Amino acid sequence: MLLGIHLSLMIGPEQPVPAPAAITEALVGVEATLADEGQSGFQLTFQAGRSGRPDLADYPLLLNPLLRPFNRVLLTVIFNATPRVLMDGFITRTQLTPSEDPGASTFVVTGEDVSVVMDLIDNKLPYPAMGERDIVDFVLLKYLPYLVKPATTVEPRSVQRPPPTESIPTQGGKTDLKYIQELARRCGHVFHVTPGPLPRQNSAYWGPPERIGVPQPALTVNMGPESNVDSISFSFNAMAAEVVVDVVQDSRTGALTPVGAGPSTRLPPLALFPAPLASLLVHRRVSVLQGEGDRAESRPPTRGGMTIEEALALAQSKVDASVDKVVTATGELDALRYGNLLTPRGLVGLRGAGFSNDGLYYVQSVTHSIKPGSYKQRFTLTREGVGATTPLVRP
């Protein structure tokens, strides 16, 4: 039984408090986008009116100190009497659009999740004798005030901790966020910050895409009253998958060694028929000779930038990232008919679209669009091919 949806807005410097009536009454739309990698963000749309002598100088919303950049915003949705933290972040931009028509002027507040505080200062710190996971754990310790607990990090399949006499990983003038994301790409991992489970709490994750676990309630199309998806489209990109072939000079021995990866992937299978091998035979060469980021810079230029183990790990991570984008499904659903909130970074079942497109998908991103009397969710799903791997999906 659906008990209704209620949106709660809290705002303020550092520790947000319930928004005053002057702000909540002017709020006409909310959008929050959550993705499996990169930064999540939000957008608040207000009706910006002016009336009477007190408003001759300026729009009241522009003068409100709570809507200034770098104030913290907390969005909570109470869905079926259960509170769900939708977004926790900071205002980064505002935009005013005046209009001659009464009530048509808008003031839009845009922001990013709390990971934006990790993207403010460039650093050139060294990390001697530390592997990728060690570096991520160390960097994230600085942001514990914004996290409910230490970050969840997963050891890469290939762990490299070069001795300081050989090389010293260096951040190389990048912000903490960009450096952590670079380390994630190198290992085939993702990094994201998830709001909740309680207000003013956030959980950081650095590891492989979470493609295992219990799927969310199914998305249903073309099934009459059972349908809960308003629209959906499927795209098959045969050129998305890659095979990596290269020659690497081992930084330890100096020997030239062939390195390759693909077409197989390390990701748990979601499709019965992955991208056909025929589409992979036209190799798009991906250079792994010099590597990415700090380690290539910190090693002597006369030697190779990577060990064979590092090159193989990087090559496989590129294959994993490309294969997972072969089939993409984009669409929109009504949260009231769905009876739940679709969340990214997990699995969801799809039914009613035919054998080729039914089955399990990885939820890459979800955009929540909330207006008075309306709650829509736009989503992007991905997997490596077509065909359902299960005879049925959980409703």
Protein backbone atom coordinates (compact mmCIF):
# COMPACT_ATOMS: atom_id res chain seq x y z
CA MET A 1 0.00 0.00 0.00
CA LEU A 2 1.44 3.37 -1.06
CA LEU A 3 1.44 5.85 1.82
CA GLY A 4 2.60 8.91 -0.14
CA ILE A 5 5.78 10.88 -0.76
CA HIS A 6 7.10 13.80 1.26
CA LEU A 7 10.21 15.84 0.54
CA SER A 8 12.29 17.41 3.30
CA LEU A 9 14.78 20.22 2.56
CA MET A 10 17.51 21.17 5.03
CA ILE A 11 20.06 23.87 4.31
CA GLY A 12 22.76 25.85 6.08
CA PRO A 13 26.49 26.28 6.56
CA GLU A 14 28.17 22.92 7.34
CA GLN A 15 25.29 21.58 9.48
CA PRO A 16 21.99 22.08 7.61
CA VAL A 17 18.74 22.86 9.41
CA PRO A 18 15.12 22.72 8.16
CA ALA A 19 14.59 25.34 5.47
CA PRO A 20 12.34 28.28 6.46
CA ALA A 21 8.92 28.79 4.91
CA ALA A 22 10.17 31.56 2.60
CA ILE A 23 12.35 28.97 0.82
CA THR A 24 10.09 25.91 0.88
CA GLU A 25 7.05 27.82 -0.39
CA ALA A 26 9.06 29.11 -3.37
CA LEU A 27 10.42 25.66 -4.26
CA VAL A 28 8.76 24.34 -7.44
CA GLY A 29 11.10 21.55 -8.58
CA VAL A 30 13.93 19.29 -7.40
CA GLU A 31 16.32 17.16 -9.43
CA ALA A 32 18.98 14.86 -7.98
CA THR A 33 21.28 12.73 -10.13
CA LEU A 34 23.18 9.78 -8.66
CA ALA A 35 25.68 7.82 -10.75
CA ASP A 36 27.97 4.84 -10.27
CA GLU A 37 31.09 6.93 -10.81
CA GLY A 38 31.93 10.59 -10.79
CA GLN A 39 30.10 13.17 -8.73
CA SER A 40 26.38 13.19 -8.05
CA GLY A 41 24.54 16.49 -8.11
CA PHE A 42 21.29 18.30 -7.42
CA GLN A 43 19.28 21.23 -8.73
CA LEU A 44 16.63 23.23 -6.88
CA THR A 45 14.25 25.44 -8.86
CA PHE A 46 12.50 28.31 -7.08
CA GLN A 47 9.84 30.72 -8.21
CA ALA A 48 11.54 34.09 -7.83
CA GLY A 49 8.96 36.81 -7.40
CA ARG A 50 9.14 40.49 -6.36
CA SER A 51 6.26 42.41 -4.87
CA GLY A 52 5.89 45.57 -2.85
CA ARG A 53 8.41 48.11 -1.66
CA PRO A 54 10.59 45.67 0.32
CA ASP A 55 11.51 43.93 -2.95
CA LEU A 56 12.44 47.03 -4.95
CA ALA A 57 16.16 46.57 -4.29
CA ASP A 58 16.46 42.91 -5.30
CA TYR A 59 14.83 39.50 -5.44
CA PRO A 60 14.32 38.21 -1.87
CA LEU A 61 15.75 34.77 -2.71
CA LEU A 62 19.01 36.31 -3.94
CA LEU A 63 19.39 38.13 -0.64
CA ASN A 64 18.71 35.01 1.44
CA PRO A 65 22.06 33.91 2.97
CA LEU A 66 20.97 30.25 3.03
CA LEU A 67 21.01 30.04 -0.79
CA ARG A 68 24.57 31.25 -1.23
CA PRO A 69 27.32 29.03 -2.68
CA PHE A 70 29.04 26.50 -0.40
CA ASN A 71 26.07 26.16 1.93
CA ARG A 72 25.21 22.53 2.60
CA VAL A 73 21.94 21.05 1.26
CA LEU A 74 20.29 17.88 2.52
CA LEU A 75 17.36 16.34 0.63
CA THR A 76 15.35 13.55 2.27
CA VAL A 77 12.39 11.72 0.72
CA ILE A 78 9.88 10.01 2.99
CA PHE A 79 8.57 7.21 0.78
CA ASN A 80 5.93 4.89 2.24
CA ALA A 81 6.71 6.27 5.71
CA THR A 82 10.40 5.34 5.28
CA PRO A 83 12.93 8.23 5.14
CA ARG A 84 15.52 7.97 2.37
CA VAL A 85 18.41 10.42 2.09
CA LEU A 86 18.38 11.53 -1.54
CA MET A 87 21.26 14.00 -1.59
CA ASP A 88 23.84 15.57 0.72
CA GLY A 89 25.98 18.20 -0.92
CA PHE A 90 27.06 21.80 -1.31
CA ILE A 91 25.77 24.64 -3.48
CA THR A 92 28.24 25.44 -6.26
CA ARG A 93 26.25 27.66 -8.64
CA THR A 94 23.14 29.82 -8.84
CA GLN A 95 21.25 31.15 -11.86
CA LEU A 96 18.51 33.78 -12.07
CA THR A 97 16.14 33.93 -15.07
CA PRO A 98 13.91 37.03 -14.87
CA SER A 99 10.66 37.13 -16.83
CA GLU A 100 8.14 39.79 -17.76
CA ASP A 101 5.30 37.34 -17.09
CA PRO A 102 4.03 37.30 -13.50
CA GLY A 103 5.32 34.31 -11.55
CA ALA A 104 7.56 33.07 -14.37
CA SER A 105 10.93 34.26 -12.99
CA THR A 106 13.05 31.39 -11.68
CA PHE A 107 16.06 31.08 -9.43
CA VAL A 108 17.99 27.81 -9.87
CA VAL A 109 20.44 26.50 -7.26
CA THR A 110 22.87 23.82 -8.45
CA GLY A 111 25.23 21.76 -6.32
CA GLU A 112 27.32 18.59 -6.02
CA ASP A 113 27.55 15.89 -3.41
CA VAL A 114 29.97 16.18 -0.47
CA SER A 115 32.81 14.78 -2.58
CA VAL A 116 33.12 18.30 -4.01
CA VAL A 117 35.21 19.18 -0.93
CA MET A 118 37.77 16.69 -2.28
CA ASP A 119 38.04 18.61 -5.54
CA LEU A 120 39.20 21.99 -4.27
CA ILE A 121 42.95 21.77 -3.66
CA ASP A 122 45.69 20.39 -5.92
CA ASN A 123 48.30 18.25 -4.16
CA LYS A 124 51.73 16.85 -5.04
CA LEU A 125 52.09 14.41 -2.17
CA PRO A 126 54.28 11.27 -2.46
CA TYR A 127 53.04 7.87 -1.30
CA PRO A 128 56.17 5.68 -0.92
CA ALA A 129 55.73 1.89 -0.84
CA MET A 130 51.93 2.17 -1.07
CA GLY A 131 49.54 0.38 -3.41
CA GLU A 132 46.40 1.88 -4.93
CA ARG A 133 44.10 0.80 -2.12
CA ASP A 134 46.57 2.03 0.54
CA ILE A 135 46.67 5.45 -1.12
CA VAL A 136 42.87 5.70 -1.34
CA ASP A 137 42.45 4.73 2.33
CA PHE A 138 45.05 7.30 3.36
CA VAL A 139 43.56 10.14 1.28
CA LEU A 140 39.99 9.52 2.45
CA LEU A 141 40.98 9.76 6.11
CA LYS A 142 41.02 13.54 5.67
CA TYR A 143 37.28 13.54 4.91
CA LEU A 144 35.94 11.53 7.84
CA PRO A 145 33.87 14.54 9.05
CA TYR A 146 31.66 13.98 5.98
CA LEU A 147 31.62 10.17 6.09
CA VAL A 148 29.69 7.91 8.44
CA LYS A 149 32.64 5.52 8.66
CA PRO A 150 35.95 4.77 6.92
CA ALA A 151 35.47 4.20 3.22
CA THR A 152 34.75 0.76 1.80
CA THR A 153 37.67 -0.07 -0.47
CA VAL A 154 38.42 -3.29 -2.33
CA GLU A 155 41.92 -4.55 -3.09
CA PRO A 156 42.58 -4.64 -6.86
CA ARG A 157 43.28 -8.00 -8.46
CA SER A 158 46.81 -6.90 -9.25
CA VAL A 159 48.40 -5.19 -6.24
CA GLN A 160 51.57 -3.20 -6.89
CA ARG A 161 53.60 -1.68 -4.08
CA PRO A 162 56.85 -0.61 -5.74
CA PRO A 163 59.85 -0.17 -3.41
CA PRO A 164 60.89 3.47 -2.92
CA THR A 165 64.20 2.71 -4.65
CA GLU A 166 62.31 1.89 -7.84
CA SER A 167 59.51 4.44 -7.91
CA ILE A 168 57.43 6.60 -5.61
CA PRO A 169 53.77 7.17 -6.54
CA THR A 170 53.06 10.90 -6.56
CA GLN A 171 49.77 12.73 -6.78
CA GLY A 172 51.23 15.01 -9.42
CA GLY A 173 49.27 18.22 -8.86
CA LYS A 174 45.80 16.69 -8.95
CA THR A 175 42.98 17.16 -6.49
CA ASP A 176 42.24 14.27 -4.14
CA LEU A 177 39.05 13.46 -6.03
CA LYS A 178 40.66 13.36 -9.48
CA TYR A 179 43.55 11.28 -8.16
CA ILE A 180 41.25 8.71 -6.54
CA GLN A 181 39.20 8.51 -9.74
CA GLU A 182 42.38 7.99 -11.77
CA LEU A 183 43.44 5.15 -9.47
CA ALA A 184 39.97 3.65 -9.87
CA ARG A 185 40.14 3.71 -13.69
CA ARG A 186 43.58 2.11 -13.60
CA CYS A 187 42.18 -0.86 -11.64
CA GLY A 188 38.82 -1.15 -13.35
CA HIS A 189 37.13 0.23 -10.22
CA VAL A 190 34.62 3.00 -9.56
CA PHE A 191 34.51 5.62 -6.84
CA HIS A 192 31.37 7.25 -5.50
CA VAL A 193 29.92 8.76 -2.35
CA THR A 194 26.42 7.61 -1.38
CA PRO A 195 24.28 9.78 0.91
CA GLY A 196 22.85 8.16 4.03
CA PRO A 197 21.80 5.91 5.56
CA LEU A 198 20.96 8.71 8.02
CA PRO A 199 20.94 12.49 7.49
CA ARG A 200 24.39 14.13 7.58
CA GLN A 201 26.03 10.78 6.89
CA ASN A 202 27.69 9.55 3.69
CA SER A 203 29.36 6.33 2.61
CA ALA A 204 32.34 6.25 0.23
CA TYR A 205 33.05 3.25 -1.99
CA TRP A 206 36.16 2.48 -4.06
CA GLY A 207 36.06 -0.88 -5.79
CA PRO A 208 34.69 -2.83 -8.75
CA PRO A 209 31.14 -2.13 -10.01
CA GLU A 210 28.67 -3.82 -7.66
CA ARG A 211 27.12 -6.32 -10.05
CA ILE A 212 26.19 -8.94 -7.49
CA GLY A 213 23.47 -8.97 -4.86
CA VAL A 214 19.68 -9.02 -4.69
CA PRO A 215 18.11 -7.19 -7.67
CA GLN A 216 15.74 -4.30 -7.03
CA PRO A 217 12.02 -4.63 -7.83
CA ALA A 218 11.58 -5.24 -11.55
CA LEU A 219 10.99 -2.62 -14.20
CA THR A 220 7.95 -3.70 -16.22
CA VAL A 221 6.95 -2.64 -19.74
CA ASN A 222 4.17 -3.67 -22.15
CA MET A 223 2.26 -5.58 -19.47
CA GLY A 224 -0.88 -3.49 -19.14
CA PRO A 225 -1.74 -2.56 -15.55
CA GLU A 226 1.46 -4.24 -14.35
CA SER A 227 3.63 -1.79 -16.29
CA ASN A 228 5.54 0.78 -14.23
CA VAL A 229 7.85 2.27 -16.87
CA ASP A 230 6.60 5.29 -18.82
CA SER A 231 9.19 5.02 -21.60
CA ILE A 232 12.33 3.02 -22.41
CA SER A 233 14.72 2.59 -25.33
CA PHE A 234 17.56 0.16 -25.98
CA SER A 235 20.84 0.80 -27.77
CA PHE A 236 23.30 -1.88 -28.95
CA ASN A 237 26.74 -0.46 -29.72
CA ALA A 238 28.87 -3.15 -31.36
CA MET A 239 31.87 -0.78 -31.39
CA ALA A 240 31.86 -0.19 -27.64
CA ALA A 241 33.78 -3.33 -26.66
CA GLU A 242 37.56 -3.26 -27.03
CA VAL A 243 40.44 -5.68 -27.24
CA VAL A 244 43.70 -4.25 -25.94
CA VAL A 245 46.93 -5.22 -27.71
CA ASP A 246 50.28 -3.57 -27.04
CA VAL A 247 53.95 -4.11 -26.31
CA VAL A 248 55.32 -3.00 -22.95
CA GLN A 249 58.87 -2.52 -21.79
CA ASP A 250 58.99 -4.01 -18.31
CA SER A 251 60.27 -1.34 -15.92
CA ARG A 252 62.13 -3.96 -13.87
CA THR A 253 63.84 -6.05 -16.56
CA GLY A 254 63.73 -3.73 -19.56
CA ALA A 255 62.43 -6.58 -21.74
CA LEU A 256 59.82 -5.88 -24.39
CA THR A 257 56.78 -8.09 -23.74
CA PRO A 258 53.47 -8.37 -25.63
CA VAL A 259 50.45 -7.48 -23.49
CA GLY A 260 46.84 -8.14 -24.32
CA ALA A 261 43.38 -8.36 -22.82
CA GLY A 262 39.93 -9.25 -24.11
CA PRO A 263 37.44 -10.09 -25.36
CA SER A 264 36.55 -11.81 -22.09
CA THR A 265 35.74 -9.69 -19.05
CA ARG A 266 36.08 -10.19 -15.30
CA LEU A 267 32.62 -8.77 -14.61
CA PRO A 268 29.84 -11.15 -13.51
CA PRO A 269 27.78 -11.95 -16.64
CA LEU A 270 24.37 -10.30 -17.03
CA ALA A 271 23.68 -11.16 -20.69
CA LEU A 272 23.30 -14.59 -22.27
CA PHE A 273 24.97 -13.45 -25.50
CA PRO A 274 27.83 -10.96 -24.90
CA ALA A 275 29.08 -8.67 -27.66
CA PRO A 276 29.94 -10.94 -30.61
CA LEU A 277 33.60 -11.64 -31.22
CA ALA A 278 33.25 -10.45 -34.82
CA SER A 279 32.80 -6.91 -33.62
CA LEU A 280 35.95 -7.14 -31.53
CA LEU A 281 38.25 -8.37 -34.27
CA VAL A 282 38.73 -4.81 -35.48
CA HIS A 283 41.02 -3.92 -32.61
CA ARG A 284 41.10 -0.36 -31.42
CA ARG A 285 44.63 -0.07 -30.15
CA VAL A 286 44.82 1.22 -26.59
CA SER A 287 48.28 2.25 -25.51
CA VAL A 288 49.41 0.99 -22.12
CA LEU A 289 53.14 1.53 -22.67
CA GLN A 290 53.49 4.70 -20.62
CA GLY A 291 50.59 4.07 -18.29
CA GLU A 292 48.53 6.75 -16.61
CA GLY A 293 49.32 9.27 -13.98
CA ASP A 294 52.07 9.47 -11.42
CA ARG A 295 54.03 6.26 -11.74
CA ALA A 296 54.96 6.86 -15.36
CA GLU A 297 56.28 10.28 -14.36
CA SER A 298 58.21 9.10 -11.32
CA ARG A 299 60.22 6.38 -13.09
CA PRO A 300 63.39 6.95 -15.11
CA PRO A 301 62.57 7.89 -18.72
CA THR A 302 65.02 5.28 -20.06
CA ARG A 303 62.90 2.46 -18.62
CA GLY A 304 59.34 1.41 -19.26
CA GLY A 305 56.62 3.15 -17.32
CA MET A 306 54.98 -0.02 -16.00
CA THR A 307 55.65 -3.56 -14.89
CA ILE A 308 54.04 -6.39 -16.84
CA GLU A 309 51.59 -6.97 -13.97
CA GLU A 310 50.54 -3.31 -13.99
CA ALA A 311 50.14 -3.28 -17.77
CA LEU A 312 47.98 -6.42 -17.72
CA ALA A 313 45.79 -4.97 -14.96
CA LEU A 314 45.34 -1.69 -16.84
CA ALA A 315 44.56 -3.47 -20.11
CA GLN A 316 41.94 -5.68 -18.47
CA SER A 317 40.35 -2.69 -16.72
CA LYS A 318 39.95 -0.96 -20.10
CA VAL A 319 38.29 -4.07 -21.53
CA ASP A 320 35.94 -4.39 -18.54
CA ALA A 321 34.88 -0.74 -18.79
CA SER A 322 34.23 -0.96 -22.54
CA VAL A 323 32.35 -4.28 -22.60
CA ASP A 324 29.90 -3.06 -19.96
CA LYS A 325 28.67 -0.34 -22.34
CA VAL A 326 27.60 -2.55 -25.24
CA VAL A 327 23.88 -2.46 -24.38
CA THR A 328 22.40 0.68 -22.84
CA ALA A 329 18.81 1.13 -21.77
CA THR A 330 17.48 4.60 -20.96
CA GLY A 331 14.01 5.44 -19.77
CA GLU A 332 11.71 7.01 -17.23
CA LEU A 333 9.39 5.60 -14.60
CA ASP A 334 6.80 6.95 -12.21
CA ALA A 335 7.89 6.38 -8.61
CA LEU A 336 4.28 6.10 -7.46
CA ARG A 337 3.54 3.26 -9.88
CA TYR A 338 6.93 1.65 -9.27
CA GLY A 339 6.26 1.70 -5.53
CA ASN A 340 9.93 2.19 -4.67
CA LEU A 341 13.00 4.33 -5.37
CA LEU A 342 15.33 2.95 -8.02
CA THR A 343 18.92 3.33 -6.86
CA PRO A 344 22.12 3.20 -8.94
CA ARG A 345 25.20 1.03 -8.31
CA GLY A 346 23.27 -2.22 -8.19
CA LEU A 347 21.15 -4.65 -10.20
CA VAL A 348 17.58 -4.43 -11.42
CA GLY A 349 15.42 -6.85 -13.37
CA LEU A 350 13.55 -5.89 -16.53
CA ARG A 351 10.55 -7.77 -17.95
CA GLY A 352 8.09 -7.32 -20.80
CA ALA A 353 10.60 -6.07 -23.41
CA GLY A 354 11.23 -9.42 -25.10
CA PHE A 355 13.88 -12.11 -24.67
CA SER A 356 16.70 -10.02 -26.16
CA ASN A 357 16.24 -7.14 -23.72
CA ASP A 358 14.69 -8.79 -20.65
CA GLY A 359 16.77 -9.92 -17.71
CA LEU A 360 19.19 -8.30 -15.29
CA TYR A 361 20.93 -4.95 -15.79
CA TYR A 362 23.43 -2.85 -13.92
CA VAL A 363 21.94 0.51 -12.86
CA GLN A 364 24.46 3.12 -13.94
CA SER A 365 22.62 6.31 -13.03
CA VAL A 366 19.26 7.59 -11.78
CA THR A 367 17.89 11.14 -11.91
CA HIS A 368 15.08 11.92 -9.47
CA SER A 369 12.73 14.66 -10.71
CA ILE A 370 10.26 15.88 -8.09
CA LYS A 371 7.52 18.44 -8.63
CA PRO A 372 4.23 19.07 -6.82
CA GLY A 373 2.09 16.00 -7.53
CA SER A 374 4.80 14.25 -9.60
CA TYR A 375 7.83 12.04 -8.90
CA LYS A 376 9.66 10.75 -11.99
CA GLN A 377 12.92 8.81 -12.19
CA ARG A 378 15.07 8.79 -15.33
CA PHE A 379 17.49 5.89 -15.46
CA THR A 380 20.39 4.43 -17.44
CA LEU A 381 21.01 0.68 -17.41
CA THR A 382 23.96 -1.19 -18.95
CA ARG A 383 25.20 -4.70 -19.63
CA GLU A 384 27.56 -6.52 -21.99
CA GLY A 385 25.11 -8.05 -24.48
CA VAL A 386 21.60 -9.31 -25.18
CA GLY A 387 19.53 -12.19 -23.88
CA ALA A 388 18.20 -12.93 -20.40
CA THR A 389 20.34 -15.17 -18.21
CA THR A 390 17.39 -15.97 -15.92
CA PRO A 391 14.04 -17.54 -16.88
CA LEU A 392 12.21 -14.87 -14.86
CA VAL A 393 12.93 -11.77 -12.81
CA ARG A 394 11.58 -10.95 -9.38
CA PRO A 395 8.55 -8.60 -9.62
